[in-house]
C-alpha atoms as a PDB file:
ATOM      1  CA  UNK A   1     -51.880  21.703  78.311  1.00  0.00           C
ATOM      2  CA  UNK A   2     -55.494  20.665  77.725  1.00  0.00           C
ATOM      3  CA  UNK A   3     -56.385  24.246  76.779  1.00  0.00           C
ATOM      4  CA  UNK A   4     -53.490  24.416  74.331  1.00  0.00           C
ATOM      5  CA  UNK A   5     -54.513  21.136  72.715  1.00  0.00           C
ATOM      6  CA  UNK A   6     -58.120  22.306  72.412  1.00  0.00           C
ATOM      7  CA  UNK A   7     -56.968  25.581  70.839  1.00  0.00           C
ATOM      8  CA  UNK A   8     -54.853  23.703  68.313  1.00  0.00           C
ATOM      9  CA  UNK A   9     -57.791  21.474  67.384  1.00  0.00           C
ATOM     10  CA  UNK A  10     -60.006  24.544  66.970  1.00  0.00           C
ATOM     11  CA  UNK A  11     -57.485  26.256  64.663  1.00  0.00           C
ATOM     12  CA  UNK A  12     -57.240  23.102  62.547  1.00  0.00           C
ATOM     13  CA  UNK A  13     -61.046  22.977  62.190  1.00  0.00           C
ATOM     14  CA  UNK A  14     -61.160  26.657  61.238  1.00  0.00           C
ATOM     15  CA  UNK A  15     -58.436  26.173  58.632  1.00  0.00           C
ATOM     16  CA  UNK A  16     -60.336  23.275  57.089  1.00  0.00           C
ATOM     17  CA  UNK A  17     -63.582  25.264  57.119  1.00  0.00           C
ATOM     18  CA  UNK A  18     -61.978  28.286  55.425  1.00  0.00           C
ATOM     19  CA  UNK A  19     -60.651  26.268  52.489  1.00  0.00           C
ATOM     20  CA  UNK A  20     -57.795  27.586  50.363  1.00  0.00           C
ATOM     21  CA  UNK A  21     -56.652  31.163  50.963  1.00  0.00           C
ATOM     22  CA  UNK A  22     -56.310  33.739  48.218  1.00  0.00           C
ATOM     23  CA  UNK A  23     -52.586  33.036  48.205  1.00  0.00           C
ATOM     24  CA  UNK A  24     -53.309  29.346  47.647  1.00  0.00           C
ATOM     25  CA  UNK A  25     -55.639  30.243  44.789  1.00  0.00           C
ATOM     26  CA  UNK A  26     -53.037  32.492  43.173  1.00  0.00           C
ATOM     27  CA  UNK A  27     -50.356  29.813  43.454  1.00  0.00           C
ATOM     28  CA  UNK A  28     -52.678  27.255  41.855  1.00  0.00           C
ATOM     29  CA  UNK A  29     -53.706  29.667  39.104  1.00  0.00           C
ATOM     30  CA  UNK A  30     -50.091  30.581  38.328  1.00  0.00           C
ATOM     31  CA  UNK A  31     -49.259  26.894  38.134  1.00  0.00           C
ATOM     32  CA  UNK A  32     -52.103  26.417  35.616  1.00  0.00           C
ATOM     33  CA  UNK A  33     -50.969  29.415  33.567  1.00  0.00           C
ATOM     34  CA  UNK A  34     -47.403  28.119  33.432  1.00  0.00           C
ATOM     35  CA  UNK A  35     -48.673  24.758  32.239  1.00  0.00           C
ATOM     36  CA  UNK A  36     -50.720  26.481  29.494  1.00  0.00           C
ATOM     37  CA  UNK A  37     -47.747  28.574  28.377  1.00  0.00           C
ATOM     38  CA  UNK A  38     -45.492  25.514  28.357  1.00  0.00           C
ATOM     39  CA  UNK A  39     -47.996  23.709  26.145  1.00  0.00           C
ATOM     40  CA  UNK A  40     -48.208  26.678  23.766  1.00  0.00           C
ATOM     41  CA  UNK A  41     -44.444  27.123  23.557  1.00  0.00           C
ATOM     42  CA  UNK A  42     -44.006  23.465  22.665  1.00  0.00           C
ATOM     43  CA  UNK A  43     -46.410  23.749  19.696  1.00  0.00           C
ATOM     44  CA  UNK A  44     -45.760  25.986  16.607  1.00  0.00           C
ATOM     45  CA  UNK A  45     -47.595  29.267  16.807  1.00  0.00           C
ATOM     46  CA  UNK A  46     -49.442  30.539  13.783  1.00  0.00           C
ATOM     47  CA  UNK A  47     -47.268  32.813  11.640  1.00  0.00           C
ATOM     48  CA  UNK A  48     -47.734  36.500  12.271  1.00  0.00           C
ATOM     49  CA  UNK A  49     -49.024  36.278  15.838  1.00  0.00           C
ATOM     50  CA  UNK A  50     -47.621  37.813  19.006  1.00  0.00           C
ATOM     51  CA  UNK A  51     -48.455  36.789  22.534  1.00  0.00           C
ATOM     52  CA  UNK A  52     -49.535  39.587  24.838  1.00  0.00           C
ATOM     53  CA  UNK A  53     -50.865  39.761  28.353  1.00  0.00           C
ATOM     54  CA  UNK A  54     -54.589  39.239  28.456  1.00  0.00           C
ATOM     55  CA  UNK A  55     -56.981  41.816  29.830  1.00  0.00           C
ATOM     56  CA  UNK A  56     -57.782  41.531  33.506  1.00  0.00           C
ATOM     57  CA  UNK A  57     -61.408  40.927  34.323  1.00  0.00           C
ATOM     58  CA  UNK A  58     -63.163  41.890  37.512  1.00  0.00           C
ATOM     59  CA  UNK A  59     -64.450  38.923  39.521  1.00  0.00           C
ATOM     60  CA  UNK A  60     -66.047  39.295  42.918  1.00  0.00           C
ATOM     61  CA  UNK A  61     -65.121  35.753  43.977  1.00  0.00           C
ATOM     62  CA  UNK A  62     -61.662  35.299  42.435  1.00  0.00           C
ATOM     63  CA  UNK A  63     -58.548  37.491  42.315  1.00  0.00           C
ATOM     64  CA  UNK A  64     -57.836  39.000  38.838  1.00  0.00           C
ATOM     65  CA  UNK A  65     -55.372  36.928  36.763  1.00  0.00           C
ATOM     66  CA  UNK A  66     -53.741  37.346  33.344  1.00  0.00           C
ATOM     67  CA  UNK A  67     -53.947  34.910  30.415  1.00  0.00           C
ATOM     68  CA  UNK A  68     -52.206  34.222  27.132  1.00  0.00           C
ATOM     69  CA  UNK A  69     -53.544  36.292  24.234  1.00  0.00           C
ATOM     70  CA  UNK A  70     -52.459  36.978  20.647  1.00  0.00           C
ATOM     71  CA  UNK A  71     -52.454  40.119  18.496  1.00  0.00           C
ATOM     72  CA  UNK A  72     -53.466  39.770  14.847  1.00  0.00           C
ATOM     73  CA  UNK A  73     -50.894  41.674  12.713  1.00  0.00           C
ATOM     74  CA  UNK A  74     -53.501  42.442  10.027  1.00  0.00           C
ATOM     75  CA  UNK A  75     -56.342  43.773  12.169  1.00  0.00           C
ATOM     76  CA  UNK A  76     -54.696  44.495  15.527  1.00  0.00           C
ATOM     77  CA  UNK A  77     -57.386  42.506  17.342  1.00  0.00           C
ATOM     78  CA  UNK A  78     -56.508  40.818  20.647  1.00  0.00           C
ATOM     79  CA  UNK A  79     -57.531  37.185  20.572  1.00  0.00           C
ATOM     80  CA  UNK A  80     -57.689  34.128  22.776  1.00  0.00           C
ATOM     81  CA  UNK A  81     -55.919  31.030  21.554  1.00  0.00           C
ATOM     82  CA  UNK A  82     -59.194  29.393  20.521  1.00  0.00           C
ATOM     83  CA  UNK A  83     -60.083  32.486  18.433  1.00  0.00           C
ATOM     84  CA  UNK A  84     -56.695  33.045  16.830  1.00  0.00           C
ATOM     85  CA  UNK A  85     -56.596  30.705  13.835  1.00  0.00           C
ATOM     86  CA  UNK A  86     -60.118  31.422  12.578  1.00  0.00           C
ATOM     87  CA  UNK A  87     -59.647  35.189  12.887  1.00  0.00           C
ATOM     88  CA  UNK A  88     -56.288  35.234  11.075  1.00  0.00           C
ATOM     89  CA  UNK A  89     -57.616  33.086   8.239  1.00  0.00           C
ATOM     90  CA  UNK A  90     -60.595  35.405   7.819  1.00  0.00           C
ATOM     91  CA  UNK A  91     -58.299  38.455   7.840  1.00  0.00           C
ATOM     92  CA  UNK A  92     -56.056  36.916   5.156  1.00  0.00           C
ATOM     93  CA  UNK A  93     -59.040  36.118   2.920  1.00  0.00           C
ATOM     94  CA  UNK A  94     -60.267  39.717   3.237  1.00  0.00           C
ATOM     95  CA  UNK A  95     -56.749  40.943   2.329  1.00  0.00           C
ATOM     96  CA  UNK A  96     -57.086  39.395  -1.147  1.00  0.00           C
ATOM     97  CA  UNK A  97     -59.195  42.358  -2.265  1.00  0.00           C
ATOM     98  CA  UNK A  98     -56.327  44.803  -1.650  1.00  0.00           C
ATOM     99  CA  UNK A  99     -53.139  42.781  -2.231  1.00  0.00           C
ATOM    100  CA  UNK A 100     -53.724  39.319  -3.719  1.00  0.00           C
ATOM    101  CA  UNK A 101     -50.023  38.502  -4.037  1.00  0.00           C
ATOM    102  CA  UNK A 102     -49.253  39.210  -0.374  1.00  0.00           C
ATOM    103  CA  UNK A 103     -52.498  37.535   0.738  1.00  0.00           C
ATOM    104  CA  UNK A 104     -51.746  34.350  -1.215  1.00  0.00           C
ATOM    105  CA  UNK A 105     -48.228  34.200   0.263  1.00  0.00           C
ATOM    106  CA  UNK A 106     -49.656  34.574   3.760  1.00  0.00           C
ATOM    107  CA  UNK A 107     -52.220  31.880   2.993  1.00  0.00           C
ATOM    108  CA  UNK A 108     -49.490  29.456   1.920  1.00  0.00           C
ATOM    109  CA  UNK A 109     -47.524  30.027   5.114  1.00  0.00           C
ATOM    110  CA  UNK A 110     -50.521  30.116   7.473  1.00  0.00           C
ATOM    111  CA  UNK A 111     -53.075  27.609   6.198  1.00  0.00           C
ATOM    112  CA  UNK A 112     -50.546  24.772   5.771  1.00  0.00           C
ATOM    113  CA  UNK A 113     -49.130  23.300   8.973  1.00  0.00           C
ATOM    114  CA  UNK A 114     -46.375  21.121   7.526  1.00  0.00           C
ATOM    115  CA  UNK A 115     -43.427  23.528   7.452  1.00  0.00           C
ATOM    116  CA  UNK A 116     -41.222  21.160   5.440  1.00  0.00           C
ATOM    117  CA  UNK A 117     -43.845  20.906   2.689  1.00  0.00           C
ATOM    118  CA  UNK A 118     -44.258  24.681   2.672  1.00  0.00           C
ATOM    119  CA  UNK A 119     -40.517  25.216   2.281  1.00  0.00           C
ATOM    120  CA  UNK A 120     -40.334  22.666  -0.545  1.00  0.00           C
ATOM    121  CA  UNK A 121     -43.263  24.321  -2.326  1.00  0.00           C
ATOM    122  CA  UNK A 122     -41.778  27.812  -1.969  1.00  0.00           C
ATOM    123  CA  UNK A 123     -38.400  26.622  -3.288  1.00  0.00           C
ATOM    124  CA  UNK A 124     -40.076  24.963  -6.267  1.00  0.00           C
ATOM    125  CA  UNK A 125     -42.172  28.039  -7.067  1.00  0.00           C
ATOM    126  CA  UNK A 126     -39.024  30.173  -6.867  1.00  0.00           C
ATOM    127  CA  UNK A 127     -37.374  27.868  -9.401  1.00  0.00           C
ATOM    128  CA  UNK A 128     -40.297  28.306 -11.828  1.00  0.00           C
ATOM    129  CA  UNK A 129     -40.110  32.099 -11.493  1.00  0.00           C
ATOM    130  CA  UNK A 130     -36.327  32.153 -11.872  1.00  0.00           C
ATOM    131  CA  UNK A 131     -36.632  30.234 -15.141  1.00  0.00           C
ATOM    132  CA  UNK A 132     -39.155  32.791 -16.417  1.00  0.00           C
ATOM    133  CA  UNK A 133     -36.850  35.638 -15.410  1.00  0.00           C
ATOM    134  CA  UNK A 134     -33.714  34.089 -16.925  1.00  0.00           C
ATOM    135  CA  UNK A 135     -35.436  32.898 -20.134  1.00  0.00           C
ATOM    136  CA  UNK A 136     -38.200  35.441 -20.839  1.00  0.00           C
ATOM    137  CA  UNK A 137     -38.451  34.583 -24.535  1.00  0.00           C
ATOM    138  CA  UNK A 138     -38.651  30.797 -24.180  1.00  0.00           C
ATOM    139  CA  UNK A 139     -42.250  29.638 -24.382  1.00  0.00           C
ATOM    140  CA  UNK A 140     -41.714  26.438 -22.425  1.00  0.00           C
ATOM    141  CA  UNK A 141     -40.998  28.411 -19.253  1.00  0.00           C
ATOM    142  CA  UNK A 142     -44.245  30.351 -19.608  1.00  0.00           C
ATOM    143  CA  UNK A 143     -46.321  27.182 -19.116  1.00  0.00           C
ATOM    144  CA  UNK A 144     -46.679  24.739 -16.234  1.00  0.00           C
ATOM    145  CA  UNK A 145     -48.343  21.406 -16.863  1.00  0.00           C
ATOM    146  CA  UNK A 146     -50.857  20.868 -14.062  1.00  0.00           C
ATOM    147  CA  UNK A 147     -50.632  17.079 -14.393  1.00  0.00           C
ATOM    148  CA  UNK A 148     -46.896  17.249 -13.797  1.00  0.00           C
ATOM    149  CA  UNK A 149     -46.061  14.886 -10.914  1.00  0.00           C
ATOM    150  CA  UNK A 150     -43.655  17.285  -9.213  1.00  0.00           C
ATOM    151  CA  UNK A 151     -46.138  20.159  -9.484  1.00  0.00           C
ATOM    152  CA  UNK A 152     -48.935  18.068  -7.984  1.00  0.00           C
ATOM    153  CA  UNK A 153     -46.872  16.596  -5.136  1.00  0.00           C
ATOM    154  CA  UNK A 154     -45.128  19.812  -4.110  1.00  0.00           C
ATOM    155  CA  UNK A 155     -47.459  22.667  -5.004  1.00  0.00           C
ATOM    156  CA  UNK A 156     -51.039  21.726  -5.885  1.00  0.00           C
ATOM    157  CA  UNK A 157     -51.499  19.922  -2.569  1.00  0.00           C
ATOM    158  CA  UNK A 158     -51.005  23.152  -0.557  1.00  0.00           C
ATOM    159  CA  UNK A 159     -53.611  25.827   0.097  1.00  0.00           C
ATOM    160  CA  UNK A 160     -52.889  29.234  -1.383  1.00  0.00           C
ATOM    161  CA  UNK A 161     -50.669  28.119  -4.267  1.00  0.00           C
ATOM    162  CA  UNK A 162     -53.404  28.406  -6.901  1.00  0.00           C
ATOM    163  CA  UNK A 163     -54.256  31.923  -5.738  1.00  0.00           C
ATOM    164  CA  UNK A 164     -50.563  32.874  -5.853  1.00  0.00           C
ATOM    165  CA  UNK A 165     -50.090  31.789  -9.467  1.00  0.00           C
ATOM    166  CA  UNK A 166     -53.250  33.583 -10.514  1.00  0.00           C
ATOM    167  CA  UNK A 167     -52.181  36.723  -8.628  1.00  0.00           C
ATOM    168  CA  UNK A 168     -48.884  36.917 -10.547  1.00  0.00           C
ATOM    169  CA  UNK A 169     -50.508  36.557 -13.944  1.00  0.00           C
ATOM    170  CA  UNK A 170     -51.046  32.857 -14.620  1.00  0.00           C
ATOM    171  CA  UNK A 171     -54.312  31.435 -15.924  1.00  0.00           C
ATOM    172  CA  UNK A 172     -55.547  27.882 -16.369  1.00  0.00           C
ATOM    173  CA  UNK A 173     -55.896  26.939 -20.025  1.00  0.00           C
ATOM    174  CA  UNK A 174     -56.603  23.813 -22.047  1.00  0.00           C
ATOM    175  CA  UNK A 175     -53.918  23.453 -24.718  1.00  0.00           C
ATOM    176  CA  UNK A 176     -53.435  20.856 -27.451  1.00  0.00           C
ATOM    177  CA  UNK A 177     -50.659  18.319 -26.893  1.00  0.00           C
ATOM    178  CA  UNK A 178     -48.823  16.071 -29.365  1.00  0.00           C
ATOM    179  CA  UNK A 179     -51.280  13.206 -29.457  1.00  0.00           C
ATOM    180  CA  UNK A 180     -52.575  11.095 -32.359  1.00  0.00           C
ATOM    181  CA  UNK A 181     -56.079  11.572 -30.995  1.00  0.00           C
ATOM    182  CA  UNK A 182     -55.716  15.333 -30.713  1.00  0.00           C
ATOM    183  CA  UNK A 183     -55.939  15.446 -26.932  1.00  0.00           C
ATOM    184  CA  UNK A 184     -55.713  18.455 -24.616  1.00  0.00           C
ATOM    185  CA  UNK A 185     -54.131  19.027 -21.228  1.00  0.00           C
ATOM    186  CA  UNK A 186     -54.528  21.728 -18.631  1.00  0.00           C
ATOM    187  CA  UNK A 187     -51.701  24.193 -18.071  1.00  0.00           C
ATOM    188  CA  UNK A 188     -50.957  27.251 -16.015  1.00  0.00           C
ATOM    189  CA  UNK A 189     -50.064  29.789 -18.703  1.00  0.00           C
ATOM    190  CA  UNK A 190     -48.400  33.072 -17.868  1.00  0.00           C
ATOM    191  CA  UNK A 191     -49.999  36.027 -19.606  1.00  0.00           C
ATOM    192  CA  UNK A 192     -47.610  38.440 -21.235  1.00  0.00           C
ATOM    193  CA  UNK A 193     -47.082  41.535 -19.127  1.00  0.00           C
ATOM    194  CA  UNK A 194     -47.602  44.964 -20.642  1.00  0.00           C
ATOM    195  CA  UNK A 195     -44.520  46.789 -21.898  1.00  0.00           C
ATOM    196  CA  UNK A 196     -42.732  48.645 -19.157  1.00  0.00           C
ATOM    197  CA  UNK A 197     -43.329  46.031 -16.461  1.00  0.00           C
ATOM    198  CA  UNK A 198     -40.156  44.879 -14.746  1.00  0.00           C
ATOM    199  CA  UNK A 199     -39.108  42.365 -12.120  1.00  0.00           C
ATOM    200  CA  UNK A 200     -37.486  43.712  -8.984  1.00  0.00           C
ATOM    201  CA  UNK A 201     -34.304  41.766  -9.734  1.00  0.00           C
ATOM    202  CA  UNK A 202     -33.976  42.873 -13.366  1.00  0.00           C
ATOM    203  CA  UNK A 203     -30.834  44.791 -14.263  1.00  0.00           C
ATOM    204  CA  UNK A 204     -30.858  48.550 -14.676  1.00  0.00           C
ATOM    205  CA  UNK A 205     -29.795  48.007 -18.299  1.00  0.00           C
ATOM    206  CA  UNK A 206     -33.255  46.498 -19.025  1.00  0.00           C
ATOM    207  CA  UNK A 207     -34.863  49.813 -18.057  1.00  0.00           C
ATOM    208  CA  UNK A 208     -32.484  51.756 -20.318  1.00  0.00           C
ATOM    209  CA  UNK A 209     -33.179  49.356 -23.187  1.00  0.00           C
ATOM    210  CA  UNK A 210     -36.938  49.779 -22.780  1.00  0.00           C
ATOM    211  CA  UNK A 211     -36.685  53.587 -22.804  1.00  0.00           C
ATOM    212  CA  UNK A 212     -34.316  53.588 -25.766  1.00  0.00           C
ATOM    213  CA  UNK A 213     -36.819  51.514 -27.719  1.00  0.00           C
ATOM    214  CA  UNK A 214     -39.412  54.293 -27.291  1.00  0.00           C
ATOM    215  CA  UNK A 215     -37.151  57.183 -28.400  1.00  0.00           C
ATOM    216  CA  UNK A 216     -37.331  58.817 -31.817  1.00  0.00           C
ATOM    217  CA  UNK A 217     -33.566  59.415 -31.760  1.00  0.00           C
ATOM    218  CA  UNK A 218     -32.568  56.152 -30.130  1.00  0.00           C
ATOM    219  CA  UNK A 219     -28.894  56.689 -30.928  1.00  0.00           C
ATOM    220  CA  UNK A 220     -28.614  59.704 -28.615  1.00  0.00           C
ATOM    221  CA  UNK A 221     -27.246  58.937 -25.135  1.00  0.00           C
ATOM    222  CA  UNK A 222     -29.487  60.004 -22.263  1.00  0.00           C
ATOM    223  CA  UNK A 223     -29.502  60.157 -18.472  1.00  0.00           C
ATOM    224  CA  UNK A 224     -31.960  59.047 -15.812  1.00  0.00           C
ATOM    225  CA  UNK A 225     -32.122  60.729 -12.438  1.00  0.00           C
ATOM    226  CA  UNK A 226     -33.851  59.167  -9.454  1.00  0.00           C
ATOM    227  CA  UNK A 227     -35.362  61.097  -6.553  1.00  0.00           C
ATOM    228  CA  UNK A 228     -32.781  63.203  -4.780  1.00  0.00           C
ATOM    229  CA  UNK A 229     -30.770  63.713  -7.963  1.00  0.00           C
ATOM    230  CA  UNK A 230     -29.174  60.254  -7.959  1.00  0.00           C
ATOM    231  CA  UNK A 231     -27.788  59.509 -11.429  1.00  0.00           C
ATOM    232  CA  UNK A 232     -28.459  55.977 -12.650  1.00  0.00           C
ATOM    233  CA  UNK A 233     -25.575  54.602 -14.696  1.00  0.00           C
ATOM    234  CA  UNK A 234     -26.579  52.246 -17.503  1.00  0.00           C
ATOM    235  CA  UNK A 235     -23.381  50.231 -17.338  1.00  0.00           C
ATOM    236  CA  UNK A 236     -23.735  49.419 -13.639  1.00  0.00           C
ATOM    237  CA  UNK A 237     -24.575  45.750 -13.117  1.00  0.00           C
ATOM    238  CA  UNK A 238     -27.171  46.404 -10.423  1.00  0.00           C
ATOM    239  CA  UNK A 239     -30.787  45.314 -10.020  1.00  0.00           C
ATOM    240  CA  UNK A 240     -33.716  47.697  -9.842  1.00  0.00           C
ATOM    241  CA  UNK A 241     -34.348  46.870  -6.187  1.00  0.00           C
ATOM    242  CA  UNK A 242     -30.717  47.701  -5.397  1.00  0.00           C
ATOM    243  CA  UNK A 243     -31.215  51.196  -6.852  1.00  0.00           C
ATOM    244  CA  UNK A 244     -34.253  51.974  -4.719  1.00  0.00           C
ATOM    245  CA  UNK A 245     -36.632  51.734  -7.704  1.00  0.00           C
ATOM    246  CA  UNK A 246     -38.898  49.103  -6.129  1.00  0.00           C
ATOM    247  CA  UNK A 247     -41.872  49.006  -5.762  1.00  0.00           C
ATOM    248  CA  UNK A 248     -42.119  52.248  -7.768  1.00  0.00           C
ATOM    249  CA  UNK A 249     -40.106  55.356  -8.558  1.00  0.00           C
ATOM    250  CA  UNK A 250     -40.350  58.630 -10.472  1.00  0.00           C
ATOM    251  CA  UNK A 251     -37.390  59.180 -12.829  1.00  0.00           C
ATOM    252  CA  UNK A 252     -36.288  62.331 -14.659  1.00  0.00           C
ATOM    253  CA  UNK A 253     -35.215  61.900 -18.293  1.00  0.00           C
ATOM    254  CA  UNK A 254     -32.698  64.163 -20.031  1.00  0.00           C
ATOM    255  CA  UNK A 255     -30.387  63.961 -23.018  1.00  0.00           C
ATOM    256  CA  UNK A 256     -26.668  63.750 -22.312  1.00  0.00           C
ATOM    257  CA  UNK A 257     -25.596  67.399 -21.896  1.00  0.00           C
ATOM    258  CA  UNK A 258     -22.112  66.951 -23.376  1.00  0.00           C
ATOM    259  CA  UNK A 259     -23.479  65.306 -26.521  1.00  0.00           C
ATOM    260  CA  UNK A 260     -26.062  68.079 -26.955  1.00  0.00           C
ATOM    261  CA  UNK A 261     -23.284  70.687 -26.783  1.00  0.00           C
ATOM    262  CA  UNK A 262     -21.326  68.865 -29.490  1.00  0.00           C
ATOM    263  CA  UNK A 263     -24.422  68.737 -31.721  1.00  0.00           C
ATOM    264  CA  UNK A 264     -25.083  72.447 -31.290  1.00  0.00           C
ATOM    265  CA  UNK A 265     -21.437  73.287 -31.819  1.00  0.00           C
ATOM    266  CA  UNK A 266     -21.743  71.565 -35.186  1.00  0.00           C
ATOM    267  CA  UNK A 267     -24.617  73.908 -36.058  1.00  0.00           C
ATOM    268  CA  UNK A 268     -27.430  71.379 -35.633  1.00  0.00           C
ATOM    269  CA  UNK A 269     -30.282  70.889 -33.231  1.00  0.00           C
ATOM    270  CA  UNK A 270     -31.695  67.573 -31.985  1.00  0.00           C
ATOM    271  CA  UNK A 271     -35.206  66.670 -33.035  1.00  0.00           C
ATOM    272  CA  UNK A 272     -37.754  68.269 -30.715  1.00  0.00           C
ATOM    273  CA  UNK A 273     -39.845  65.076 -30.728  1.00  0.00           C
ATOM    274  CA  UNK A 274     -38.563  62.711 -28.065  1.00  0.00           C
ATOM    275  CA  UNK A 275     -40.872  59.711 -28.528  1.00  0.00           C
ATOM    276  CA  UNK A 276     -41.536  57.696 -31.644  1.00  0.00           C
ATOM    277  CA  UNK A 277     -44.489  58.968 -33.751  1.00  0.00           C
ATOM    278  CA  UNK A 278     -46.511  55.768 -33.257  1.00  0.00           C
ATOM    279  CA  UNK A 279     -46.273  56.138 -29.479  1.00  0.00           C
ATOM    280  CA  UNK A 280     -47.425  59.740 -29.689  1.00  0.00           C
ATOM    281  CA  UNK A 281     -50.413  58.647 -31.769  1.00  0.00           C
ATOM    282  CA  UNK A 282     -51.301  55.991 -29.235  1.00  0.00           C
ATOM    283  CA  UNK A 283     -51.107  58.569 -26.449  1.00  0.00           C
ATOM    284  CA  UNK A 284     -53.433  60.892 -28.332  1.00  0.00           C
ATOM    285  CA  UNK A 285     -55.947  58.101 -28.783  1.00  0.00           C
ATOM    286  CA  UNK A 286     -55.879  57.304 -25.075  1.00  0.00           C
ATOM    287  CA  UNK A 287     -56.327  60.940 -24.125  1.00  0.00           C
END
């Protein structure tokens, strides 16, 4: 009995001297990792990031363990949590040189943490753009007063909104306002787009109207064929993006074959010049 008691005391001393086993360390480390992941999952992650298993590092004193890492969708870099935000912001700023519209949208959604304010700003911007699209000839929709209370409270206060408006063709300008003292106010003014520029949601009829305006014989019906031989019908009430013409497309122009046969049957030939003379002259000057 005395020997057994002495052996038990010896084993207890050895256990205390050894400290925690590798299994104890792993259990403690896993517990810490779960706490970190729980903290991360309870807070909103930056848009455009994915969590991946972290690289295992060799350590002579501790067993290898995994961590929580993020992959930047723009650069593909694997980042720790403390590196993530700064790296993504830098990547977005660099993206302005290649695609300022996309970069400004990403900046709005990434640099501003209040999701409710971001949604309100995006909805308001969409309303401005819808008004421009629905009323392209009305001058009042081509200008946005920067001192406007709604514009300041919903849009100006967020990062990335100024870059977005500039990327889609707006510029800041000082314009005269009805004032006995001849005052001026600052506006965002939309610059007129060159002819032949269309919105993705414009109707197919707008494309036909633009082409017809460039034809010498604008009364002659014509056809447009998309890639793959798809015939685009002018009377279809569809948007350009619904026809697969966005962001760009190559179309084949031809006169209506049946009408050409009728003209020839009457002993006439259509004019060989397709475009208006002034357009041909402009093309020669450019070439």
